[in-house]
Amino acid sequence: MKNQYIKLFSLLIGIAAIFSGVIYVFADSYRNRRIDLIKEENMIADEIGEVYDTFFNKEKGLSEYRDNYNNDFKDFASYYSGMPDKYDSIIAELKQYETLIDESNDISSFLKDKCQKKYSVLEANRICDAYYINLEKTINLYIVDIELFNKKIDEYNTWTEKENASVTATTEYAKLEKYASVNYPDYVDLNEDGTFLGKKTSEDKEKKETDKKDENVENKTEEATPATAEVEASTEETNE
């Protein structure tokens, strides 16, 4: 009987040892996986930071380009009669504007891929948030600029109909075509937070334009500046 108790006790000790070994193996495996995950996330965080530096420099260049474009657009839209001569040049600038955004998008493809999750490294999350904010605003401001350009084209084309029909007209003005973006047809919400950064610029500008027209509706002249208020509003929003 005593031997049976000893055997049972030994068996229990053996089972306990086996379970302890299994638990240790699982715990050690989990700890190693956790260490590997932290190392991997730190490596990804470093890569995110490096790529973002390149992306951010590209964005700064884009902001400067937009400043220059707005100045050229203001000159383009100063007088209806001068718009045809400057049309090809401003269209080329819009195309180059889009090319620069495409390049910024290409540079940041790594960020787009890696920023779809949250990391234990808080700096990586902060950089990803900044990436989404900057790219979203850049694209939406570009769409704002296109809308403003096309609005001026509509105004010019309306003016040409009246001008060409005038009995005193000495020059016939051809109508101009609007510009359509190849890759950015509408506003974007890249981080899906319900806010289209940069779009508010367009809405505020529209209100400014409406208020300005209501105030000056009696003071329009044949060669009135078609874009002064609108272009100045666009320029003010360049680096918001």
C-alpha atoms as a PDB file:
ATOM      1  CA  MET A   1       0.000   0.000   0.000  1.00  0.00           C
ATOM      2  CA  LYS A   2       2.814   2.312   0.923  1.00  0.00           C
ATOM      3  CA  ASN A   3       4.531   1.569  -2.395  1.00  0.00           C
ATOM      4  CA  GLN A   4       1.349   2.519  -4.254  1.00  0.00           C
ATOM      5  CA  TYR A   5       1.295   5.919  -2.544  1.00  0.00           C
ATOM      6  CA  ILE A   6       4.912   6.433  -3.416  1.00  0.00           C
ATOM      7  CA  LYS A   7       4.242   5.543  -7.065  1.00  0.00           C
ATOM      8  CA  LEU A   8       1.199   7.860  -7.171  1.00  0.00           C
ATOM      9  CA  PHE A   9       3.174  10.663  -5.595  1.00  0.00           C
ATOM     10  CA  SER A  10       6.000  10.159  -8.067  1.00  0.00           C
ATOM     11  CA  LEU A  11       3.499  10.180 -10.920  1.00  0.00           C
ATOM     12  CA  LEU A  12       1.996  13.454  -9.741  1.00  0.00           C
ATOM     13  CA  ILE A  13       5.448  14.954  -9.365  1.00  0.00           C
ATOM     14  CA  GLY A  14       6.267  13.850 -12.902  1.00  0.00           C
ATOM     15  CA  ILE A  15       3.062  15.280 -14.337  1.00  0.00           C
ATOM     16  CA  ALA A  16       3.659  18.551 -12.496  1.00  0.00           C
ATOM     17  CA  ALA A  17       7.190  18.683 -13.874  1.00  0.00           C
ATOM     18  CA  ILE A  18       5.930  18.091 -17.395  1.00  0.00           C
ATOM     19  CA  PHE A  19       3.333  20.844 -17.078  1.00  0.00           C
ATOM     20  CA  SER A  20       5.924  23.175 -15.608  1.00  0.00           C
ATOM     21  CA  GLY A  21       8.216  22.452 -18.519  1.00  0.00           C
ATOM     22  CA  VAL A  22       5.448  23.077 -21.061  1.00  0.00           C
ATOM     23  CA  ILE A  23       4.483  26.343 -19.359  1.00  0.00           C
ATOM     24  CA  TYR A  24       8.116  27.438 -19.290  1.00  0.00           C
ATOM     25  CA  VAL A  25       8.545  26.630 -22.977  1.00  0.00           C
ATOM     26  CA  PHE A  26       5.414  28.607 -23.918  1.00  0.00           C
ATOM     27  CA  ALA A  27       6.369  31.525 -21.673  1.00  0.00           C
ATOM     28  CA  ASP A  28       9.890  31.626 -23.045  1.00  0.00           C
ATOM     29  CA  SER A  29       8.597  31.390 -26.621  1.00  0.00           C
ATOM     30  CA  TYR A  30       6.143  34.260 -25.974  1.00  0.00           C
ATOM     31  CA  ARG A  31       8.887  36.370 -24.399  1.00  0.00           C
ATOM     32  CA  ASN A  32      11.199  35.769 -27.371  1.00  0.00           C
ATOM     33  CA  ARG A  33       8.438  36.566 -29.849  1.00  0.00           C
ATOM     34  CA  ARG A  34       7.695  39.747 -27.934  1.00  0.00           C
ATOM     35  CA  ILE A  35      11.352  40.740 -28.004  1.00  0.00           C
ATOM     36  CA  ASP A  36      11.543  40.028 -31.741  1.00  0.00           C
ATOM     37  CA  LEU A  37       8.369  42.056 -32.324  1.00  0.00           C
ATOM     38  CA  ILE A  38       9.760  45.036 -30.428  1.00  0.00           C
ATOM     39  CA  LYS A  39      13.005  44.829 -32.413  1.00  0.00           C
ATOM     40  CA  GLU A  40      11.056  44.628 -35.666  1.00  0.00           C
ATOM     41  CA  GLU A  41       8.844  47.585 -34.713  1.00  0.00           C
ATOM     42  CA  ASN A  42      11.906  49.632 -33.756  1.00  0.00           C
ATOM     43  CA  MET A  43      13.459  48.870 -37.144  1.00  0.00           C
ATOM     44  CA  ILE A  44      10.232  49.822 -38.937  1.00  0.00           C
ATOM     45  CA  ALA A  45       9.969  52.992 -36.836  1.00  0.00           C
ATOM     46  CA  ASP A  46      13.501  53.966 -37.892  1.00  0.00           C
ATOM     47  CA  GLU A  47      12.623  53.340 -41.557  1.00  0.00           C
ATOM     48  CA  ILE A  48       9.389  55.339 -41.188  1.00  0.00           C
ATOM     49  CA  GLY A  49      11.381  58.255 -39.806  1.00  0.00           C
ATOM     50  CA  GLU A  50      13.951  58.124 -42.616  1.00  0.00           C
ATOM     51  CA  VAL A  51      11.337  57.930 -45.378  1.00  0.00           C
ATOM     52  CA  TYR A  52       9.274  60.681 -43.763  1.00  0.00           C
ATOM     53  CA  ASP A  53      12.293  63.027 -43.784  1.00  0.00           C
ATOM     54  CA  THR A  54      12.561  62.572 -47.564  1.00  0.00           C
ATOM     55  CA  PHE A  55       8.799  62.939 -47.956  1.00  0.00           C
ATOM     56  CA  PHE A  56       8.724  66.078 -45.817  1.00  0.00           C
ATOM     57  CA  ASN A  57      11.472  67.737 -47.870  1.00  0.00           C
ATOM     58  CA  LYS A  58       9.448  66.959 -50.994  1.00  0.00           C
ATOM     59  CA  GLU A  59       6.383  68.516 -49.355  1.00  0.00           C
ATOM     60  CA  LYS A  60       8.334  71.685 -48.554  1.00  0.00           C
ATOM     61  CA  GLY A  61       9.306  71.919 -52.202  1.00  0.00           C
ATOM     62  CA  LEU A  62       5.651  71.475 -53.162  1.00  0.00           C
ATOM     63  CA  SER A  63       4.616  74.283 -50.834  1.00  0.00           C
ATOM     64  CA  GLU A  64       7.145  76.602 -52.457  1.00  0.00           C
ATOM     65  CA  TYR A  65       5.945  75.549 -55.893  1.00  0.00           C
ATOM     66  CA  ARG A  66       2.356  76.342 -54.914  1.00  0.00           C
ATOM     67  CA  ASP A  67       3.449  79.818 -53.773  1.00  0.00           C
ATOM     68  CA  ASN A  68       5.014  80.450 -57.173  1.00  0.00           C
ATOM     69  CA  TYR A  69       2.029  78.985 -58.994  1.00  0.00           C
ATOM     70  CA  ASN A  70      -0.384  81.251 -57.106  1.00  0.00           C
ATOM     71  CA  ASN A  71       1.678  84.300 -58.051  1.00  0.00           C
ATOM     72  CA  ASP A  72       1.687  83.249 -61.704  1.00  0.00           C
ATOM     73  CA  PHE A  73      -2.040  82.490 -61.585  1.00  0.00           C
ATOM     74  CA  LYS A  74      -2.736  85.927 -60.151  1.00  0.00           C
ATOM     75  CA  ASP A  75      -0.866  87.414 -63.099  1.00  0.00           C
ATOM     76  CA  PHE A  76      -2.656  85.082 -65.546  1.00  0.00           C
ATOM     77  CA  ALA A  77      -6.092  86.100 -64.266  1.00  0.00           C
ATOM     78  CA  SER A  78      -5.399  89.831 -63.907  1.00  0.00           C
ATOM     79  CA  TYR A  79      -7.240  90.740 -67.128  1.00  0.00           C
ATOM     80  CA  TYR A  80      -9.529  88.661 -69.303  1.00  0.00           C
ATOM     81  CA  SER A  81      -7.968  89.983 -72.501  1.00  0.00           C
ATOM     82  CA  GLY A  82      -4.531  88.723 -71.487  1.00  0.00           C
ATOM     83  CA  MET A  83      -5.562  85.240 -70.416  1.00  0.00           C
ATOM     84  CA  PRO A  84      -5.283  83.522 -73.848  1.00  0.00           C
ATOM     85  CA  ASP A  85      -1.621  84.502 -74.230  1.00  0.00           C
ATOM     86  CA  LYS A  86      -0.730  83.068 -70.804  1.00  0.00           C
ATOM     87  CA  TYR A  87      -3.004  80.030 -70.947  1.00  0.00           C
ATOM     88  CA  ASP A  88      -0.480  77.433 -72.214  1.00  0.00           C
ATOM     89  CA  SER A  89       2.066  78.491 -69.612  1.00  0.00           C
ATOM     90  CA  ILE A  90      -0.318  78.232 -66.657  1.00  0.00           C
ATOM     91  CA  ILE A  91      -1.600  74.846 -67.893  1.00  0.00           C
ATOM     92  CA  ALA A  92       2.001  73.602 -67.988  1.00  0.00           C
ATOM     93  CA  GLU A  93       2.425  74.748 -64.397  1.00  0.00           C
ATOM     94  CA  LEU A  94      -0.695  72.861 -63.300  1.00  0.00           C
ATOM     95  CA  LYS A  95       0.603  69.700 -64.964  1.00  0.00           C
ATOM     96  CA  GLN A  96       3.973  70.085 -63.269  1.00  0.00           C
ATOM     97  CA  TYR A  97       2.153  70.725 -59.985  1.00  0.00           C
ATOM     98  CA  GLU A  98       0.429  67.350 -60.356  1.00  0.00           C
ATOM     99  CA  THR A  99       3.669  65.628 -61.329  1.00  0.00           C
ATOM    100  CA  LEU A 100       5.281  66.844 -58.103  1.00  0.00           C
ATOM    101  CA  ILE A 101       2.371  65.473 -56.065  1.00  0.00           C
ATOM    102  CA  ASP A 102       2.718  62.131 -57.902  1.00  0.00           C
ATOM    103  CA  GLU A 103       6.411  62.073 -56.988  1.00  0.00           C
ATOM    104  CA  SER A 104       5.590  62.815 -53.353  1.00  0.00           C
ATOM    105  CA  ASN A 105       3.065  59.976 -53.433  1.00  0.00           C
ATOM    106  CA  ASP A 106       5.632  57.590 -54.888  1.00  0.00           C
ATOM    107  CA  ILE A 107       8.216  58.538 -52.271  1.00  0.00           C
ATOM    108  CA  SER A 108       5.715  57.929 -49.490  1.00  0.00           C
ATOM    109  CA  SER A 109       4.435  54.544 -50.736  1.00  0.00           C
ATOM    110  CA  PHE A 110       6.386  52.887 -47.904  1.00  0.00           C
ATOM    111  CA  LEU A 111       4.596  55.121 -45.381  1.00  0.00           C
ATOM    112  CA  LYS A 112       1.245  54.335 -46.949  1.00  0.00           C
ATOM    113  CA  ASP A 113       1.934  50.640 -46.476  1.00  0.00           C
ATOM    114  CA  LYS A 114       3.409  50.746 -42.967  1.00  0.00           C
ATOM    115  CA  CYS A 115       1.113  53.393 -41.478  1.00  0.00           C
ATOM    116  CA  GLN A 116      -2.003  51.246 -41.708  1.00  0.00           C
ATOM    117  CA  LYS A 117      -1.456  49.969 -38.150  1.00  0.00           C
ATOM    118  CA  LYS A 118      -0.585  51.370 -34.739  1.00  0.00           C
ATOM    119  CA  TYR A 119       2.815  50.687 -33.194  1.00  0.00           C
ATOM    120  CA  SER A 120       4.071  50.343 -29.639  1.00  0.00           C
ATOM    121  CA  VAL A 121       6.678  52.918 -30.684  1.00  0.00           C
ATOM    122  CA  LEU A 122       4.770  56.172 -30.193  1.00  0.00           C
ATOM    123  CA  GLU A 123       7.108  58.171 -32.428  1.00  0.00           C
ATOM    124  CA  ALA A 124       6.180  55.942 -35.367  1.00  0.00           C
ATOM    125  CA  ASN A 125       2.484  56.677 -34.785  1.00  0.00           C
ATOM    126  CA  ARG A 126       3.176  60.411 -34.583  1.00  0.00           C
ATOM    127  CA  ILE A 127       5.092  60.359 -37.865  1.00  0.00           C
ATOM    128  CA  CYS A 128       2.328  58.371 -39.562  1.00  0.00           C
ATOM    129  CA  ASP A 129      -0.266  60.906 -38.394  1.00  0.00           C
ATOM    130  CA  ALA A 130       1.887  63.742 -39.769  1.00  0.00           C
ATOM    131  CA  TYR A 131       2.258  61.890 -43.092  1.00  0.00           C
ATOM    132  CA  TYR A 132      -1.495  61.541 -43.543  1.00  0.00           C
ATOM    133  CA  ILE A 133      -2.115  65.183 -42.584  1.00  0.00           C
ATOM    134  CA  ASN A 134       0.515  66.600 -44.939  1.00  0.00           C
ATOM    135  CA  LEU A 135      -0.342  64.502 -47.989  1.00  0.00           C
ATOM    136  CA  GLU A 136      -4.101  64.952 -47.536  1.00  0.00           C
ATOM    137  CA  LYS A 137      -3.740  68.712 -47.264  1.00  0.00           C
ATOM    138  CA  THR A 138      -1.404  68.884 -50.262  1.00  0.00           C
ATOM    139  CA  ILE A 139      -3.818  66.991 -52.520  1.00  0.00           C
ATOM    140  CA  ASN A 140      -6.872  68.920 -51.347  1.00  0.00           C
ATOM    141  CA  LEU A 141      -5.163  72.295 -51.784  1.00  0.00           C
ATOM    142  CA  TYR A 142      -4.272  71.234 -55.313  1.00  0.00           C
ATOM    143  CA  ILE A 143      -7.935  70.513 -55.993  1.00  0.00           C
ATOM    144  CA  VAL A 144      -8.806  73.934 -54.518  1.00  0.00           C
ATOM    145  CA  ASP A 145      -6.378  75.521 -57.005  1.00  0.00           C
ATOM    146  CA  ILE A 146      -7.901  73.597 -59.910  1.00  0.00           C
ATOM    147  CA  GLU A 147     -11.410  74.675 -58.915  1.00  0.00           C
ATOM    148  CA  LEU A 148     -10.302  78.297 -58.735  1.00  0.00           C
ATOM    149  CA  PHE A 149      -8.620  78.019 -62.145  1.00  0.00           C
ATOM    150  CA  ASN A 150     -11.708  76.484 -63.737  1.00  0.00           C
ATOM    151  CA  LYS A 151     -13.927  79.123 -62.195  1.00  0.00           C
ATOM    152  CA  LYS A 152     -11.798  81.832 -63.808  1.00  0.00           C
ATOM    153  CA  ILE A 153     -12.042  80.002 -67.122  1.00  0.00           C
ATOM    154  CA  ASP A 154     -15.856  79.987 -66.818  1.00  0.00           C
ATOM    155  CA  GLU A 155     -15.832  83.713 -66.097  1.00  0.00           C
ATOM    156  CA  TYR A 156     -13.500  84.366 -69.019  1.00  0.00           C
ATOM    157  CA  ASN A 157     -15.628  82.320 -71.436  1.00  0.00           C
ATOM    158  CA  THR A 158     -18.744  84.220 -70.355  1.00  0.00           C
ATOM    159  CA  TRP A 159     -16.875  87.473 -70.909  1.00  0.00           C
ATOM    160  CA  THR A 160     -15.772  86.417 -74.424  1.00  0.00           C
ATOM    161  CA  GLU A 161     -19.383  85.864 -75.485  1.00  0.00           C
ATOM    162  CA  LYS A 162     -20.293  89.409 -74.518  1.00  0.00           C
ATOM    163  CA  GLU A 163     -17.064  90.896 -75.847  1.00  0.00           C
ATOM    164  CA  ASN A 164     -17.199  89.121 -79.214  1.00  0.00           C
ATOM    165  CA  ALA A 165     -20.835  90.179 -79.672  1.00  0.00           C
ATOM    166  CA  SER A 166     -20.049  93.818 -79.035  1.00  0.00           C
ATOM    167  CA  VAL A 167     -20.405  96.097 -82.086  1.00  0.00           C
ATOM    168  CA  THR A 168     -17.199  97.849 -81.080  1.00  0.00           C
ATOM    169  CA  ALA A 169     -15.156  94.634 -80.794  1.00  0.00           C
ATOM    170  CA  THR A 170     -11.867  94.720 -82.692  1.00  0.00           C
ATOM    171  CA  THR A 171     -10.556  91.330 -81.511  1.00  0.00           C
ATOM    172  CA  GLU A 172     -12.304  87.983 -81.365  1.00  0.00           C
ATOM    173  CA  TYR A 173     -11.396  85.999 -78.269  1.00  0.00           C
ATOM    174  CA  ALA A 174     -11.355  82.209 -78.366  1.00  0.00           C
ATOM    175  CA  LYS A 175     -12.808  80.258 -75.506  1.00  0.00           C
ATOM    176  CA  LEU A 176     -10.445  78.386 -73.196  1.00  0.00           C
ATOM    177  CA  GLU A 177     -10.754  74.849 -71.851  1.00  0.00           C
ATOM    178  CA  LYS A 178     -10.913  73.923 -68.197  1.00  0.00           C
ATOM    179  CA  TYR A 179      -8.243  71.798 -66.541  1.00  0.00           C
ATOM    180  CA  ALA A 180      -8.938  68.288 -65.234  1.00  0.00           C
ATOM    181  CA  SER A 181      -6.610  66.435 -62.890  1.00  0.00           C
ATOM    182  CA  VAL A 182      -5.506  63.014 -64.069  1.00  0.00           C
ATOM    183  CA  ASN A 183      -5.041  61.368 -60.665  1.00  0.00           C
ATOM    184  CA  TYR A 184      -6.880  63.621 -58.201  1.00  0.00           C
ATOM    185  CA  PRO A 185     -10.470  64.143 -59.368  1.00  0.00           C
ATOM    186  CA  ASP A 186     -11.936  64.801 -55.916  1.00  0.00           C
ATOM    187  CA  TYR A 187     -11.068  65.710 -52.349  1.00  0.00           C
ATOM    188  CA  VAL A 188      -9.447  62.977 -50.238  1.00  0.00           C
ATOM    189  CA  ASP A 189      -9.707  61.907 -46.598  1.00  0.00           C
ATOM    190  CA  LEU A 190      -6.620  59.725 -46.282  1.00  0.00           C
ATOM    191  CA  ASN A 191      -6.849  59.052 -42.555  1.00  0.00           C
ATOM    192  CA  GLU A 192     -10.630  58.582 -42.748  1.00  0.00           C
ATOM    193  CA  ASP A 193     -11.367  60.963 -39.879  1.00  0.00           C
ATOM    194  CA  GLY A 194     -14.242  62.666 -41.696  1.00  0.00           C
ATOM    195  CA  THR A 195     -12.227  65.865 -42.202  1.00  0.00           C
ATOM    196  CA  PHE A 196     -10.970  66.840 -45.649  1.00  0.00           C
ATOM    197  CA  LEU A 197      -7.964  68.975 -44.731  1.00  0.00           C
ATOM    198  CA  GLY A 198      -7.564  71.852 -47.167  1.00  0.00           C
ATOM    199  CA  LYS A 199     -11.146  71.659 -48.448  1.00  0.00           C
ATOM    200  CA  LYS A 200     -12.285  74.288 -45.934  1.00  0.00           C
ATOM    201  CA  THR A 201      -9.974  76.639 -47.790  1.00  0.00           C
ATOM    202  CA  SER A 202     -12.237  76.339 -50.820  1.00  0.00           C
ATOM    203  CA  GLU A 203     -15.420  76.829 -48.798  1.00  0.00           C
ATOM    204  CA  ASP A 204     -14.085  79.925 -47.017  1.00  0.00           C
ATOM    205  CA  LYS A 205     -12.846  81.310 -50.300  1.00  0.00           C
ATOM    206  CA  GLU A 206     -16.228  80.819 -51.926  1.00  0.00           C
ATOM    207  CA  LYS A 207     -17.865  82.826 -49.138  1.00  0.00           C
ATOM    208  CA  LYS A 208     -15.291  85.612 -49.512  1.00  0.00           C
ATOM    209  CA  GLU A 209     -15.912  85.737 -53.248  1.00  0.00           C
ATOM    210  CA  THR A 210     -19.688  85.900 -52.817  1.00  0.00           C
ATOM    211  CA  ASP A 211     -19.466  88.661 -50.211  1.00  0.00           C
ATOM    212  CA  LYS A 212     -17.022  90.607 -52.374  1.00  0.00           C
ATOM    213  CA  LYS A 213     -19.236  90.371 -55.451  1.00  0.00           C
ATOM    214  CA  ASP A 214     -22.283  91.505 -53.496  1.00  0.00           C
ATOM    215  CA  GLU A 215     -20.402  94.596 -52.325  1.00  0.00           C
ATOM    216  CA  ASN A 216     -19.036  95.531 -55.737  1.00  0.00           C
ATOM    217  CA  VAL A 217     -21.803  94.438 -58.090  1.00  0.00           C
ATOM    218  CA  GLU A 218     -22.395  98.037 -59.239  1.00  0.00           C
ATOM    219  CA  ASN A 219     -18.724  98.792 -59.922  1.00  0.00           C
ATOM    220  CA  LYS A 220     -17.800  96.201 -62.557  1.00  0.00           C
ATOM    221  CA  THR A 221     -16.125  97.414 -65.747  1.00  0.00           C
ATOM    222  CA  GLU A 222     -15.469  95.783 -69.096  1.00  0.00           C
ATOM    223  CA  GLU A 223     -11.830  95.036 -68.279  1.00  0.00           C
ATOM    224  CA  ALA A 224     -12.264  94.532 -64.544  1.00  0.00           C
ATOM    225  CA  THR A 225      -9.773  92.266 -62.824  1.00  0.00           C
ATOM    226  CA  PRO A 226     -11.492  88.868 -62.774  1.00  0.00           C
ATOM    227  CA  ALA A 227      -9.528  87.152 -60.043  1.00  0.00           C
ATOM    228  CA  THR A 228      -8.061  89.631 -57.595  1.00  0.00           C
ATOM    229  CA  ALA A 229     -10.077  88.674 -54.520  1.00  0.00           C
ATOM    230  CA  GLU A 230     -10.071  84.987 -55.298  1.00  0.00           C
ATOM    231  CA  VAL A 231      -6.356  84.695 -56.040  1.00  0.00           C
ATOM    232  CA  GLU A 232      -5.395  86.661 -52.946  1.00  0.00           C
ATOM    233  CA  ALA A 233      -7.570  84.345 -50.876  1.00  0.00           C
ATOM    234  CA  SER A 234      -5.848  81.332 -52.433  1.00  0.00           C
ATOM    235  CA  THR A 235      -2.401  82.761 -51.720  1.00  0.00           C
ATOM    236  CA  GLU A 236      -3.247  83.415 -48.084  1.00  0.00           C
ATOM    237  CA  GLU A 237      -4.015  79.700 -47.597  1.00  0.00           C
ATOM    238  CA  THR A 238      -0.810  78.396 -49.175  1.00  0.00           C
ATOM    239  CA  ASN A 239       0.912  77.153 -46.017  1.00  0.00           C
ATOM    240  CA  GLU A 240      -1.951  76.672 -43.561  1.00  0.00           C
END
